[in-house]
Amino acid sequence: MNIILLVEDNEMNRDMLSRRLTRKGYQVITAEDGKQGVDLAMKEHPDLILMDMSLPVMDGWEATRMLKNSPETKGIPIIALTAHAMAGDEKEAYQAGCDDFDTKPVVMDRLLGKIHARLAKSEEK
């Protein structure tokens, strides 16, 4: 069973996404801010991270940079989740080290497709 770390500060979004991902067969662990997300990723080594970019304590951009700069976590695929849908936001997410990008509100089928593709790519390595 693949483990997904969901880093999301909005309780409703966190609850909805974790329940829907669990129903799809994923084990979900959650963090409420970027610092918690980095700490959990270092400890748990999830198969994939869904990273909200607008987070308290440490934003998703900085958390992603930290994870991608660490030898322990740099190989974990990170999908940016953000309500920021401007053209520059997607580019900024990739520059921070995200492997993919999706917008809120989440379209579950689209997100699941991206999760499946990233996990398949990781397993090829």
PDB file of N, CA and C in Angstrom:
ATOM      1  N   MET A   1       0.845  -1.182   0.000  1.00  0.00           N
ATOM      2  CA  MET A   1       0.000   0.000   0.000  1.00  0.00           C
ATOM      3  C   MET A   1       0.888   1.242   0.000  1.00  0.00           C
ATOM      4  N   ASN A   2       0.649   2.120  -0.965  1.00  0.00           N
ATOM      5  CA  ASN A   2       1.420   3.357  -1.042  1.00  0.00           C
ATOM      6  C   ASN A   2       1.008   4.332   0.049  1.00  0.00           C
ATOM      7  N   ILE A   3       2.013   5.024   0.588  1.00  0.00           N
ATOM      8  CA  ILE A   3       1.787   6.027   1.634  1.00  0.00           C
ATOM      9  C   ILE A   3       1.872   7.414   1.012  1.00  0.00           C
ATOM     10  N   ILE A   4       0.847   8.207   1.245  1.00  0.00           N
ATOM     11  CA  ILE A   4       0.822   9.590   0.770  1.00  0.00           C
ATOM     12  C   ILE A   4       0.839  10.511   1.981  1.00  0.00           C
ATOM     13  N   LEU A   5       1.746  11.466   1.961  1.00  0.00           N
ATOM     14  CA  LEU A   5       1.772  12.526   2.968  1.00  0.00           C
ATOM     15  C   LEU A   5       1.004  13.709   2.397  1.00  0.00           C
ATOM     16  N   LEU A   6      -0.069  14.091   3.065  1.00  0.00           N
ATOM     17  CA  LEU A   6      -0.894  15.230   2.670  1.00  0.00           C
ATOM     18  C   LEU A   6      -0.564  16.392   3.600  1.00  0.00           C
ATOM     19  N   VAL A   7       0.023  17.446   3.033  1.00  0.00           N
ATOM     20  CA  VAL A   7       0.373  18.631   3.820  1.00  0.00           C
ATOM     21  C   VAL A   7      -0.639  19.714   3.443  1.00  0.00           C
ATOM     22  N   GLU A   8      -1.578  19.956   4.345  1.00  0.00           N
ATOM     23  CA  GLU A   8      -2.710  20.845   4.075  1.00  0.00           C
ATOM     24  C   GLU A   8      -3.172  21.475   5.378  1.00  0.00           C
ATOM     25  N   ASP A   9      -3.247  22.803   5.413  1.00  0.00           N
ATOM     26  CA  ASP A   9      -3.643  23.481   6.650  1.00  0.00           C
ATOM     27  C   ASP A   9      -5.153  23.605   6.821  1.00  0.00           C
ATOM     28  N   ASN A  10      -5.916  23.515   5.751  1.00  0.00           N
ATOM     29  CA  ASN A  10      -7.369  23.645   5.841  1.00  0.00           C
ATOM     30  C   ASN A  10      -7.971  22.306   6.268  1.00  0.00           C
ATOM     31  N   GLU A  11      -8.595  22.308   7.437  1.00  0.00           N
ATOM     32  CA  GLU A  11      -9.107  21.060   8.016  1.00  0.00           C
ATOM     33  C   GLU A  11     -10.124  20.359   7.107  1.00  0.00           C
ATOM     34  N   MET A  12     -11.009  21.120   6.488  1.00  0.00           N
ATOM     35  CA  MET A  12     -12.006  20.502   5.605  1.00  0.00           C
ATOM     36  C   MET A  12     -11.343  19.852   4.398  1.00  0.00           C
ATOM     37  N   ASN A  13     -10.397  20.549   3.777  1.00  0.00           N
ATOM     38  CA  ASN A  13      -9.685  19.979   2.632  1.00  0.00           C
ATOM     39  C   ASN A  13      -8.894  18.736   3.039  1.00  0.00           C
ATOM     40  N   ARG A  14      -8.225  18.830   4.178  1.00  0.00           N
ATOM     41  CA  ARG A  14      -7.409  17.717   4.680  1.00  0.00           C
ATOM     42  C   ARG A  14      -8.281  16.490   4.924  1.00  0.00           C
ATOM     43  N   ASP A  15      -9.430  16.703   5.573  1.00  0.00           N
ATOM     44  CA  ASP A  15     -10.331  15.599   5.881  1.00  0.00           C
ATOM     45  C   ASP A  15     -10.905  14.984   4.603  1.00  0.00           C
ATOM     46  N   MET A  16     -11.393  15.818   3.694  1.00  0.00           N
ATOM     47  CA  MET A  16     -12.000  15.331   2.459  1.00  0.00           C
ATOM     48  C   MET A  16     -10.980  14.555   1.624  1.00  0.00           C
ATOM     49  N   LEU A  17      -9.804  15.133   1.434  1.00  0.00           N
ATOM     50  CA  LEU A  17      -8.791  14.458   0.618  1.00  0.00           C
ATOM     51  C   LEU A  17      -8.306  13.162   1.258  1.00  0.00           C
ATOM     52  N   SER A  18      -8.068  13.189   2.555  1.00  0.00           N
ATOM     53  CA  SER A  18      -7.558  11.971   3.199  1.00  0.00           C
ATOM     54  C   SER A  18      -8.604  10.856   3.148  1.00  0.00           C
ATOM     55  N   ARG A  19      -9.872  11.177   3.332  1.00  0.00           N
ATOM     56  CA  ARG A  19     -10.913  10.146   3.250  1.00  0.00           C
ATOM     57  C   ARG A  19     -11.028   9.571   1.837  1.00  0.00           C
ATOM     58  N   ARG A  20     -10.985  10.442   0.840  1.00  0.00           N
ATOM     59  CA  ARG A  20     -11.127   9.981  -0.544  1.00  0.00           C
ATOM     60  C   ARG A  20      -9.916   9.168  -0.984  1.00  0.00           C
ATOM     61  N   LEU A  21      -8.732   9.573  -0.568  1.00  0.00           N
ATOM     62  CA  LEU A  21      -7.522   8.813  -0.917  1.00  0.00           C
ATOM     63  C   LEU A  21      -7.496   7.462  -0.197  1.00  0.00           C
ATOM     64  N   THR A  22      -7.942   7.444   1.047  1.00  0.00           N
ATOM     65  CA  THR A  22      -8.010   6.184   1.801  1.00  0.00           C
ATOM     66  C   THR A  22      -8.961   5.209   1.110  1.00  0.00           C
ATOM     67  N   ARG A  23     -10.104   5.722   0.647  1.00  0.00           N
ATOM     68  CA  ARG A  23     -11.057   4.870  -0.075  1.00  0.00           C
ATOM     69  C   ARG A  23     -10.463   4.307  -1.371  1.00  0.00           C
ATOM     70  N   LYS A  24      -9.496   5.012  -1.939  1.00  0.00           N
ATOM     71  CA  LYS A  24      -8.843   4.551  -3.170  1.00  0.00           C
ATOM     72  C   LYS A  24      -7.687   3.597  -2.872  1.00  0.00           C
ATOM     73  N   GLY A  25      -7.462   3.288  -1.591  1.00  0.00           N
ATOM     74  CA  GLY A  25      -6.463   2.288  -1.245  1.00  0.00           C
ATOM     75  C   GLY A  25      -5.120   2.825  -0.796  1.00  0.00           C
ATOM     76  N   TYR A  26      -5.018   4.131  -0.602  1.00  0.00           N
ATOM     77  CA  TYR A  26      -3.763   4.717  -0.131  1.00  0.00           C
ATOM     78  C   TYR A  26      -3.785   4.845   1.391  1.00  0.00           C
ATOM     79  N   GLN A  27      -2.611   4.718   1.987  1.00  0.00           N
ATOM     80  CA  GLN A  27      -2.467   5.059   3.402  1.00  0.00           C
ATOM     81  C   GLN A  27      -2.098   6.540   3.437  1.00  0.00           C
ATOM     82  N   VAL A  28      -2.818   7.323   4.212  1.00  0.00           N
ATOM     83  CA  VAL A  28      -2.604   8.770   4.229  1.00  0.00           C
ATOM     84  C   VAL A  28      -2.144   9.209   5.615  1.00  0.00           C
ATOM     85  N   ILE A  29      -1.043   9.975   5.619  1.00  0.00           N
ATOM     86  CA  ILE A  29      -0.610  10.648   6.838  1.00  0.00           C
ATOM     87  C   ILE A  29      -0.711  12.142   6.549  1.00  0.00           C
ATOM     88  N   THR A  30      -0.993  12.925   7.580  1.00  0.00           N
ATOM     89  CA  THR A  30      -1.257  14.343   7.334  1.00  0.00           C
ATOM     90  C   THR A  30      -0.382  15.245   8.198  1.00  0.00           C
ATOM     91  N   ALA A  31      -0.150  16.429   7.664  1.00  0.00           N
ATOM     92  CA  ALA A  31       0.545  17.499   8.376  1.00  0.00           C
ATOM     93  C   ALA A  31      -0.235  18.779   8.120  1.00  0.00           C
ATOM     94  N   GLU A  32      -0.192  19.693   9.104  1.00  0.00           N
ATOM     95  CA  GLU A  32      -0.981  20.925   9.020  1.00  0.00           C
ATOM     96  C   GLU A  32      -0.168  22.144   8.608  1.00  0.00           C
ATOM     97  N   ASP A  33       1.147  22.032   8.577  1.00  0.00           N
ATOM     98  CA  ASP A  33       1.986  23.152   8.138  1.00  0.00           C
ATOM     99  C   ASP A  33       3.251  22.591   7.482  1.00  0.00           C
ATOM    100  N   GLY A  34       4.008  23.474   6.852  1.00  0.00           N
ATOM    101  CA  GLY A  34       5.192  23.045   6.126  1.00  0.00           C
ATOM    102  C   GLY A  34       6.261  22.399   6.990  1.00  0.00           C
ATOM    103  N   LYS A  35       6.469  22.928   8.184  1.00  0.00           N
ATOM    104  CA  LYS A  35       7.480  22.351   9.078  1.00  0.00           C
ATOM    105  C   LYS A  35       7.095  20.934   9.478  1.00  0.00           C
ATOM    106  N   GLN A  36       5.828  20.747   9.868  1.00  0.00           N
ATOM    107  CA  GLN A  36       5.343  19.399  10.187  1.00  0.00           C
ATOM    108  C   GLN A  36       5.508  18.472   8.988  1.00  0.00           C
ATOM    109  N   GLY A  37       5.228  18.985   7.804  1.00  0.00           N
ATOM    110  CA  GLY A  37       5.354  18.195   6.580  1.00  0.00           C
ATOM    111  C   GLY A  37       6.773  17.722   6.353  1.00  0.00           C
ATOM    112  N   VAL A  38       7.724  18.624   6.502  1.00  0.00           N
ATOM    113  CA  VAL A  38       9.142  18.258   6.340  1.00  0.00           C
ATOM    114  C   VAL A  38       9.530  17.214   7.388  1.00  0.00           C
ATOM    115  N   ASP A  39       9.166  17.459   8.641  1.00  0.00           N
ATOM    116  CA  ASP A  39       9.506  16.522   9.719  1.00  0.00           C
ATOM    117  C   ASP A  39       8.916  15.141   9.470  1.00  0.00           C
ATOM    118  N   LEU A  40       7.642  15.081   9.072  1.00  0.00           N
ATOM    119  CA  LEU A  40       6.998  13.788   8.807  1.00  0.00           C
ATOM    120  C   LEU A  40       7.612  13.086   7.603  1.00  0.00           C
ATOM    121  N   ALA A  41       7.942  13.845   6.566  1.00  0.00           N
ATOM    122  CA  ALA A  41       8.558  13.240   5.381  1.00  0.00           C
ATOM    123  C   ALA A  41       9.906  12.616   5.740  1.00  0.00           C
ATOM    124  N   MET A  42      10.687  13.306   6.559  1.00  0.00           N
ATOM    125  CA  MET A  42      11.994  12.786   6.977  1.00  0.00           C
ATOM    126  C   MET A  42      11.833  11.518   7.821  1.00  0.00           C
ATOM    127  N   LYS A  43      10.805  11.488   8.636  1.00  0.00           N
ATOM    128  CA  LYS A  43      10.584  10.359   9.549  1.00  0.00           C
ATOM    129  C   LYS A  43       9.919   9.165   8.853  1.00  0.00           C
ATOM    130  N   GLU A  44       8.893   9.437   8.050  1.00  0.00           N
ATOM    131  CA  GLU A  44       8.055   8.366   7.486  1.00  0.00           C
ATOM    132  C   GLU A  44       8.440   7.925   6.075  1.00  0.00           C
ATOM    133  N   HIS A  45       9.167   8.752   5.330  1.00  0.00           N
ATOM    134  CA  HIS A  45       9.546   8.451   3.939  1.00  0.00           C
ATOM    135  C   HIS A  45       8.351   7.978   3.110  1.00  0.00           C
ATOM    136  N   PRO A  46       7.346   8.850   2.923  1.00  0.00           N
ATOM    137  CA  PRO A  46       6.163   8.462   2.151  1.00  0.00           C
ATOM    138  C   PRO A  46       6.521   8.216   0.685  1.00  0.00           C
ATOM    139  N   ASP A  47       5.613   7.578  -0.036  1.00  0.00           N
ATOM    140  CA  ASP A  47       5.837   7.310  -1.460  1.00  0.00           C
ATOM    141  C   ASP A  47       5.567   8.539  -2.313  1.00  0.00           C
ATOM    142  N   LEU A  48       4.759   9.473  -1.792  1.00  0.00           N
ATOM    143  CA  LEU A  48       4.395  10.677  -2.526  1.00  0.00           C
ATOM    144  C   LEU A  48       3.915  11.722  -1.533  1.00  0.00           C
ATOM    145  N   ILE A  49       4.117  12.999  -1.883  1.00  0.00           N
ATOM    146  CA  ILE A  49       3.668  14.100  -1.033  1.00  0.00           C
ATOM    147  C   ILE A  49       2.741  15.004  -1.836  1.00  0.00           C
ATOM    148  N   LEU A  50       1.573  15.311  -1.255  1.00  0.00           N
ATOM    149  CA  LEU A  50       0.684  16.342  -1.786  1.00  0.00           C
ATOM    150  C   LEU A  50       0.920  17.575  -0.934  1.00  0.00           C
ATOM    151  N   MET A  51       1.450  18.625  -1.530  1.00  0.00           N
ATOM    152  CA  MET A  51       1.903  19.801  -0.787  1.00  0.00           C
ATOM    153  C   MET A  51       1.074  21.028  -1.124  1.00  0.00           C
ATOM    154  N   ASP A  52       0.268  21.483  -0.158  1.00  0.00           N
ATOM    155  CA  ASP A  52      -0.378  22.782  -0.298  1.00  0.00           C
ATOM    156  C   ASP A  52       0.753  23.812  -0.292  1.00  0.00           C
ATOM    157  N   MET A  53       0.631  24.856  -1.058  1.00  0.00           N
ATOM    158  CA  MET A  53       1.725  25.824  -1.134  1.00  0.00           C
ATOM    159  C   MET A  53       1.535  26.994  -0.163  1.00  0.00           C
ATOM    160  N   SER A  54       0.301  27.282   0.219  1.00  0.00           N
ATOM    161  CA  SER A  54       0.026  28.370   1.167  1.00  0.00           C
ATOM    162  C   SER A  54      -0.190  27.766   2.552  1.00  0.00           C
ATOM    163  N   LEU A  55       0.890  27.669   3.302  1.00  0.00           N
ATOM    164  CA  LEU A  55       0.858  27.022   4.616  1.00  0.00           C
ATOM    165  C   LEU A  55       1.406  27.943   5.691  1.00  0.00           C
ATOM    166  N   PRO A  56       0.943  27.756   6.934  1.00  0.00           N
ATOM    167  CA  PRO A  56       1.529  28.514   8.045  1.00  0.00           C
ATOM    168  C   PRO A  56       2.877  27.918   8.459  1.00  0.00           C
ATOM    169  N   VAL A  57       3.585  28.610   9.295  1.00  0.00           N
ATOM    170  CA  VAL A  57       4.884  28.247   9.872  1.00  0.00           C
ATOM    171  C   VAL A  57       5.976  28.218   8.807  1.00  0.00           C
ATOM    172  N   MET A  58       5.832  27.351   7.810  1.00  0.00           N
ATOM    173  CA  MET A  58       6.749  27.298   6.666  1.00  0.00           C
ATOM    174  C   MET A  58       5.879  27.015   5.444  1.00  0.00           C
ATOM    175  N   ASP A  59       5.967  27.856   4.414  1.00  0.00           N
ATOM    176  CA  ASP A  59       5.096  27.647   3.258  1.00  0.00           C
ATOM    177  C   ASP A  59       5.545  26.432   2.439  1.00  0.00           C
ATOM    178  N   GLY A  60       4.687  26.023   1.532  1.00  0.00           N
ATOM    179  CA  GLY A  60       4.960  24.843   0.716  1.00  0.00           C
ATOM    180  C   GLY A  60       6.151  24.994  -0.208  1.00  0.00           C
ATOM    181  N   TRP A  61       6.415  26.228  -0.639  1.00  0.00           N
ATOM    182  CA  TRP A  61       7.568  26.463  -1.518  1.00  0.00           C
ATOM    183  C   TRP A  61       8.857  26.114  -0.759  1.00  0.00           C
ATOM    184  N   GLU A  62       8.994  26.650   0.458  1.00  0.00           N
ATOM    185  CA  GLU A  62      10.202  26.410   1.258  1.00  0.00           C
ATOM    186  C   GLU A  62      10.285  24.947   1.692  1.00  0.00           C
ATOM    187  N   ALA A  63       9.162  24.364   2.102  1.00  0.00           N
ATOM    188  CA  ALA A  63       9.159  22.956   2.507  1.00  0.00           C
ATOM    189  C   ALA A  63       9.608  22.062   1.348  1.00  0.00           C
ATOM    190  N   THR A  64       9.124  22.353   0.148  1.00  0.00           N
ATOM    191  CA  THR A  64       9.523  21.571  -1.031  1.00  0.00           C
ATOM    192  C   THR A  64      11.015  21.722  -1.296  1.00  0.00           C
ATOM    193  N   ARG A  65      11.517  22.944  -1.240  1.00  0.00           N
ATOM    194  CA  ARG A  65      12.964  23.151  -1.459  1.00  0.00           C
ATOM    195  C   ARG A  65      13.783  22.361  -0.444  1.00  0.00           C
ATOM    196  N   MET A  66      13.365  22.379   0.817  1.00  0.00           N
ATOM    197  CA  MET A  66      14.097  21.641   1.852  1.00  0.00           C
ATOM    198  C   MET A  66      14.091  20.137   1.561  1.00  0.00           C
ATOM    199  N   LEU A  67      12.927  19.615   1.195  1.00  0.00           N
ATOM    200  CA  LEU A  67      12.816  18.179   0.928  1.00  0.00           C
ATOM    201  C   LEU A  67      13.622  17.770  -0.299  1.00  0.00           C
ATOM    202  N   LYS A  68      13.610  18.593  -1.329  1.00  0.00           N
ATOM    203  CA  LYS A  68      14.342  18.267  -2.551  1.00  0.00           C
ATOM    204  C   LYS A  68      15.851  18.459  -2.388  1.00  0.00           C
ATOM    205  N   ASN A  69      16.269  19.249  -1.388  1.00  0.00           N
ATOM    206  CA  ASN A  69      17.700  19.440  -1.126  1.00  0.00           C
ATOM    207  C   ASN A  69      18.261  18.417  -0.152  1.00  0.00           C
ATOM    208  N   SER A  70      17.419  17.571   0.414  1.00  0.00           N
ATOM    209  CA  SER A  70      17.870  16.556   1.360  1.00  0.00           C
ATOM    210  C   SER A  70      18.064  15.221   0.647  1.00  0.00           C
ATOM    211  N   PRO A  71      19.233  14.594   0.809  1.00  0.00           N
ATOM    212  CA  PRO A  71      19.457  13.292   0.173  1.00  0.00           C
ATOM    213  C   PRO A  71      18.426  12.243   0.589  1.00  0.00           C
ATOM    214  N   GLU A  72      17.892  12.370   1.804  1.00  0.00           N
ATOM    215  CA  GLU A  72      16.925  11.392   2.316  1.00  0.00           C
ATOM    216  C   GLU A  72      15.563  11.480   1.637  1.00  0.00           C
ATOM    217  N   THR A  73      15.186  12.657   1.177  1.00  0.00           N
ATOM    218  CA  THR A  73      13.824  12.846   0.668  1.00  0.00           C
ATOM    219  C   THR A  73      13.759  13.373  -0.768  1.00  0.00           C
ATOM    220  N   LYS A  74      14.890  13.628  -1.386  1.00  0.00           N
ATOM    221  CA  LYS A  74      14.858  14.265  -2.707  1.00  0.00           C
ATOM    222  C   LYS A  74      14.165  13.420  -3.778  1.00  0.00           C
ATOM    223  N   GLY A  75      14.103  12.115  -3.592  1.00  0.00           N
ATOM    224  CA  GLY A  75      13.466  11.248  -4.583  1.00  0.00           C
ATOM    225  C   GLY A  75      11.973  11.086  -4.421  1.00  0.00           C
ATOM    226  N   ILE A  76      11.405  11.640  -3.359  1.00  0.00           N
ATOM    227  CA  ILE A  76       9.960  11.519  -3.142  1.00  0.00           C
ATOM    228  C   ILE A  76       9.238  12.498  -4.066  1.00  0.00           C
ATOM    229  N   PRO A  77       8.334  11.999  -4.914  1.00  0.00           N
ATOM    230  CA  PRO A  77       7.605  12.923  -5.783  1.00  0.00           C
ATOM    231  C   PRO A  77       6.690  13.844  -4.964  1.00  0.00           C
ATOM    232  N   ILE A  78       6.674  15.116  -5.357  1.00  0.00           N
ATOM    233  CA  ILE A  78       5.833  16.113  -4.686  1.00  0.00           C
ATOM    234  C   ILE A  78       4.903  16.741  -5.722  1.00  0.00           C
ATOM    235  N   ILE A  79       3.617  16.692  -5.416  1.00  0.00           N
ATOM    236  CA  ILE A  79       2.618  17.353  -6.256  1.00  0.00           C
ATOM    237  C   ILE A  79       2.146  18.593  -5.505  1.00  0.00           C
ATOM    238  N   ALA A  80       2.336  19.750  -6.116  1.00  0.00           N
ATOM    239  CA  ALA A  80       1.865  21.009  -5.535  1.00  0.00           C
ATOM    240  C   ALA A  80       0.344  21.072  -5.661  1.00  0.00           C
ATOM    241  N   LEU A  81      -0.310  21.439  -4.561  1.00  0.00           N
ATOM    242  CA  LEU A  81      -1.756  21.694  -4.567  1.00  0.00           C
ATOM    243  C   LEU A  81      -1.947  23.146  -4.178  1.00  0.00           C
ATOM    244  N   THR A  82      -2.562  23.912  -5.061  1.00  0.00           N
ATOM    245  CA  THR A  82      -2.684  25.319  -4.738  1.00  0.00           C
ATOM    246  C   THR A  82      -3.906  25.959  -5.370  1.00  0.00           C
ATOM    247  N   ALA A  83      -4.450  26.931  -4.681  1.00  0.00           N
ATOM    248  CA  ALA A  83      -5.528  27.743  -5.244  1.00  0.00           C
ATOM    249  C   ALA A  83      -4.938  28.819  -6.147  1.00  0.00           C
ATOM    250  N   HIS A  84      -3.617  28.979  -6.115  1.00  0.00           N
ATOM    251  CA  HIS A  84      -2.930  29.947  -6.974  1.00  0.00           C
ATOM    252  C   HIS A  84      -2.829  29.361  -8.374  1.00  0.00           C
ATOM    253  N   ALA A  85      -3.666  29.810  -9.265  1.00  0.00           N
ATOM    254  CA  ALA A  85      -3.729  29.223 -10.595  1.00  0.00           C
ATOM    255  C   ALA A  85      -3.175  30.156 -11.669  1.00  0.00           C
ATOM    256  N   MET A  86      -2.373  31.117 -11.270  1.00  0.00           N
ATOM    257  CA  MET A  86      -1.779  32.024 -12.241  1.00  0.00           C
ATOM    258  C   MET A  86      -0.658  31.296 -12.974  1.00  0.00           C
ATOM    259  N   ALA A  87      -0.346  31.742 -14.173  1.00  0.00           N
ATOM    260  CA  ALA A  87       0.670  31.074 -14.988  1.00  0.00           C
ATOM    261  C   ALA A  87       2.011  30.977 -14.259  1.00  0.00           C
ATOM    262  N   GLY A  88       2.390  32.015 -13.551  1.00  0.00           N
ATOM    263  CA  GLY A  88       3.675  32.013 -12.855  1.00  0.00           C
ATOM    264  C   GLY A  88       3.728  31.063 -11.667  1.00  0.00           C
ATOM    265  N   ASP A  89       2.575  30.736 -11.092  1.00  0.00           N
ATOM    266  CA  ASP A  89       2.549  29.854  -9.924  1.00  0.00           C
ATOM    267  C   ASP A  89       2.990  28.439 -10.271  1.00  0.00           C
ATOM    268  N   GLU A  90       2.551  27.950 -11.412  1.00  0.00           N
ATOM    269  CA  GLU A  90       2.962  26.610 -11.832  1.00  0.00           C
ATOM    270  C   GLU A  90       4.473  26.577 -12.065  1.00  0.00           C
ATOM    271  N   LYS A  91       4.985  27.593 -12.739  1.00  0.00           N
ATOM    272  CA  LYS A  91       6.427  27.677 -12.988  1.00  0.00           C
ATOM    273  C   LYS A  91       7.193  27.742 -11.663  1.00  0.00           C
ATOM    274  N   GLU A  92       6.691  28.540 -10.725  1.00  0.00           N
ATOM    275  CA  GLU A  92       7.343  28.667  -9.425  1.00  0.00           C
ATOM    276  C   GLU A  92       7.356  27.335  -8.667  1.00  0.00           C
ATOM    277  N   ALA A  93       6.265  26.576  -8.791  1.00  0.00           N
ATOM    278  CA  ALA A  93       6.190  25.265  -8.129  1.00  0.00           C
ATOM    279  C   ALA A  93       7.264  24.329  -8.688  1.00  0.00           C
ATOM    280  N   TYR A  94       7.422  24.315  -9.994  1.00  0.00           N
ATOM    281  CA  TYR A  94       8.459  23.473 -10.597  1.00  0.00           C
ATOM    282  C   TYR A  94       9.851  23.955 -10.200  1.00  0.00           C
ATOM    283  N   GLN A  95      10.044  25.259 -10.139  1.00  0.00           N
ATOM    284  CA  GLN A  95      11.346  25.796  -9.724  1.00  0.00           C
ATOM    285  C   GLN A  95      11.670  25.446  -8.281  1.00  0.00           C
ATOM    286  N   ALA A  96      10.651  25.340  -7.432  1.00  0.00           N
ATOM    287  CA  ALA A  96      10.861  24.963  -6.032  1.00  0.00           C
ATOM    288  C   ALA A  96      11.224  23.482  -5.909  1.00  0.00           C
ATOM    289  N   GLY A  97      10.913  22.702  -6.963  1.00  0.00           N
ATOM    290  CA  GLY A  97      11.252  21.281  -6.949  1.00  0.00           C
ATOM    291  C   GLY A  97      10.067  20.349  -7.057  1.00  0.00           C
ATOM    292  N   CYS A  98       8.856  20.890  -7.182  1.00  0.00           N
ATOM    293  CA  CYS A  98       7.685  20.026  -7.319  1.00  0.00           C
ATOM    294  C   CYS A  98       7.774  19.225  -8.616  1.00  0.00           C
ATOM    295  N   ASP A  99       7.264  18.010  -8.570  1.00  0.00           N
ATOM    296  CA  ASP A  99       7.282  17.139  -9.737  1.00  0.00           C
ATOM    297  C   ASP A  99       6.026  17.293 -10.586  1.00  0.00           C
ATOM    298  N   ASP A 100       4.973  17.820  -9.979  1.00  0.00           N
ATOM    299  CA  ASP A 100       3.722  18.044 -10.697  1.00  0.00           C
ATOM    300  C   ASP A 100       2.966  19.154  -9.976  1.00  0.00           C
ATOM    301  N   PHE A 101       1.846  19.562 -10.570  1.00  0.00           N
ATOM    302  CA  PHE A 101       1.117  20.732 -10.106  1.00  0.00           C
ATOM    303  C   PHE A 101      -0.368  20.487 -10.325  1.00  0.00           C
ATOM    304  N   ASP A 102      -1.191  20.783  -9.331  1.00  0.00           N
ATOM    305  CA  ASP A 102      -2.631  20.695  -9.502  1.00  0.00           C
ATOM    306  C   ASP A 102      -3.280  21.843  -8.742  1.00  0.00           C
ATOM    307  N   THR A 103      -4.438  22.269  -9.232  1.00  0.00           N
ATOM    308  CA  THR A 103      -5.102  23.430  -8.646  1.00  0.00           C
ATOM    309  C   THR A 103      -6.283  23.014  -7.781  1.00  0.00           C
ATOM    310  N   LYS A 104      -6.622  23.914  -6.872  1.00  0.00           N
ATOM    311  CA  LYS A 104      -7.820  23.772  -6.053  1.00  0.00           C
ATOM    312  C   LYS A 104      -8.894  24.665  -6.650  1.00  0.00           C
ATOM    313  N   PRO A 105     -10.149  24.313  -6.538  1.00  0.00           N
ATOM    314  CA  PRO A 105     -10.624  23.110  -5.874  1.00  0.00           C
ATOM    315  C   PRO A 105     -10.168  21.864  -6.630  1.00  0.00           C
ATOM    316  N   VAL A 106      -9.894  20.812  -5.869  1.00  0.00           N
ATOM    317  CA  VAL A 106      -9.365  19.582  -6.422  1.00  0.00           C
ATOM    318  C   VAL A 106     -10.423  18.876  -7.265  1.00  0.00           C
ATOM    319  N   VAL A 107     -10.010  18.468  -8.466  1.00  0.00           N
ATOM    320  CA  VAL A 107     -10.817  17.579  -9.304  1.00  0.00           C
ATOM    321  C   VAL A 107     -10.220  16.194  -9.070  1.00  0.00           C
ATOM    322  N   MET A 108     -10.939  15.352  -8.332  1.00  0.00           N
ATOM    323  CA  MET A 108     -10.367  14.111  -7.822  1.00  0.00           C
ATOM    324  C   MET A 108      -9.834  13.193  -8.922  1.00  0.00           C
ATOM    325  N   ASP A 109     -10.553  13.019 -10.009  1.00  0.00           N
ATOM    326  CA  ASP A 109     -10.073  12.134 -11.076  1.00  0.00           C
ATOM    327  C   ASP A 109      -8.757  12.634 -11.660  1.00  0.00           C
ATOM    328  N   ARG A 110      -8.659  13.935 -11.845  1.00  0.00           N
ATOM    329  CA  ARG A 110      -7.429  14.516 -12.388  1.00  0.00           C
ATOM    330  C   ARG A 110      -6.276  14.311 -11.412  1.00  0.00           C
ATOM    331  N   LEU A 111      -6.513  14.582 -10.122  1.00  0.00           N
ATOM    332  CA  LEU A 111      -5.468  14.409  -9.115  1.00  0.00           C
ATOM    333  C   LEU A 111      -5.053  12.945  -9.007  1.00  0.00           C
ATOM    334  N   LEU A 112      -6.016  12.034  -9.003  1.00  0.00           N
ATOM    335  CA  LEU A 112      -5.689  10.606  -8.928  1.00  0.00           C
ATOM    336  C   LEU A 112      -4.838  10.165 -10.119  1.00  0.00           C
ATOM    337  N   GLY A 113      -5.114  10.716 -11.283  1.00  0.00           N
ATOM    338  CA  GLY A 113      -4.305  10.415 -12.467  1.00  0.00           C
ATOM    339  C   GLY A 113      -2.864  10.856 -12.277  1.00  0.00           C
ATOM    340  N   LYS A 114      -2.683  12.034 -11.712  1.00  0.00           N
ATOM    341  CA  LYS A 114      -1.334  12.546 -11.467  1.00  0.00           C
ATOM    342  C   LYS A 114      -0.623  11.720 -10.396  1.00  0.00           C
ATOM    343  N   ILE A 115      -1.351  11.340  -9.337  1.00  0.00           N
ATOM    344  CA  ILE A 115      -0.765  10.507  -8.282  1.00  0.00           C
ATOM    345  C   ILE A 115      -0.318   9.172  -8.868  1.00  0.00           C
ATOM    346  N   HIS A 116      -1.193   8.539  -9.630  1.00  0.00           N
ATOM    347  CA  HIS A 116      -0.881   7.242 -10.228  1.00  0.00           C
ATOM    348  C   HIS A 116       0.335   7.344 -11.146  1.00  0.00           C
ATOM    349  N   ALA A 117       0.380   8.375 -11.980  1.00  0.00           N
ATOM    350  CA  ALA A 117       1.505   8.554 -12.902  1.00  0.00           C
ATOM    351  C   ALA A 117       2.822   8.756 -12.148  1.00  0.00           C
ATOM    352  N   ARG A 118       2.808   9.577 -11.112  1.00  0.00           N
ATOM    353  CA  ARG A 118       4.033   9.849 -10.332  1.00  0.00           C
ATOM    354  C   ARG A 118       4.494   8.602  -9.578  1.00  0.00           C
ATOM    355  N   LEU A 119       3.568   7.854  -9.011  1.00  0.00           N
ATOM    356  CA  LEU A 119       3.950   6.624  -8.304  1.00  0.00           C
ATOM    357  C   LEU A 119       4.513   5.593  -9.272  1.00  0.00           C
ATOM    358  N   ALA A 120       3.903   5.469 -10.452  1.00  0.00           N
ATOM    359  CA  ALA A 120       4.401   4.529 -11.458  1.00  0.00           C
ATOM    360  C   ALA A 120       5.811   4.907 -11.903  1.00  0.00           C
ATOM    361  N   LYS A 121       6.036   6.198 -12.097  1.00  0.00           N
ATOM    362  CA  LYS A 121       7.352   6.691 -12.509  1.00  0.00           C
ATOM    363  C   LYS A 121       8.393   6.414 -11.431  1.00  0.00           C
ATOM    364  N   SER A 122       8.017   6.592 -10.156  1.00  0.00           N
ATOM    365  CA  SER A 122       8.932   6.342  -9.048  1.00  0.00           C
ATOM    366  C   SER A 122       9.304   4.869  -8.956  1.00  0.00           C
ATOM    367  N   GLU A 123       8.337   4.004  -9.211  1.00  0.00           N
ATOM    368  CA  GLU A 123       8.575   2.566  -9.112  1.00  0.00           C
ATOM    369  C   GLU A 123       9.470   2.065 -10.249  1.00  0.00           C
ATOM    370  N   GLU A 124       9.538   2.798 -11.360  1.00  0.00           N
ATOM    371  CA  GLU A 124      10.409   2.430 -12.471  1.00  0.00           C
ATOM    372  C   GLU A 124      11.880   2.606 -12.122  1.00  0.00           C
ATOM    373  N   LYS A 125      12.165   3.500 -11.200  1.00  0.00           N
ATOM    374  CA  LYS A 125      13.562   3.838 -10.859  1.00  0.00           C
ATOM    375  C   LYS A 125      14.224   2.753 -10.068  1.00  0.00           C
TER     376      LYS A 125
END
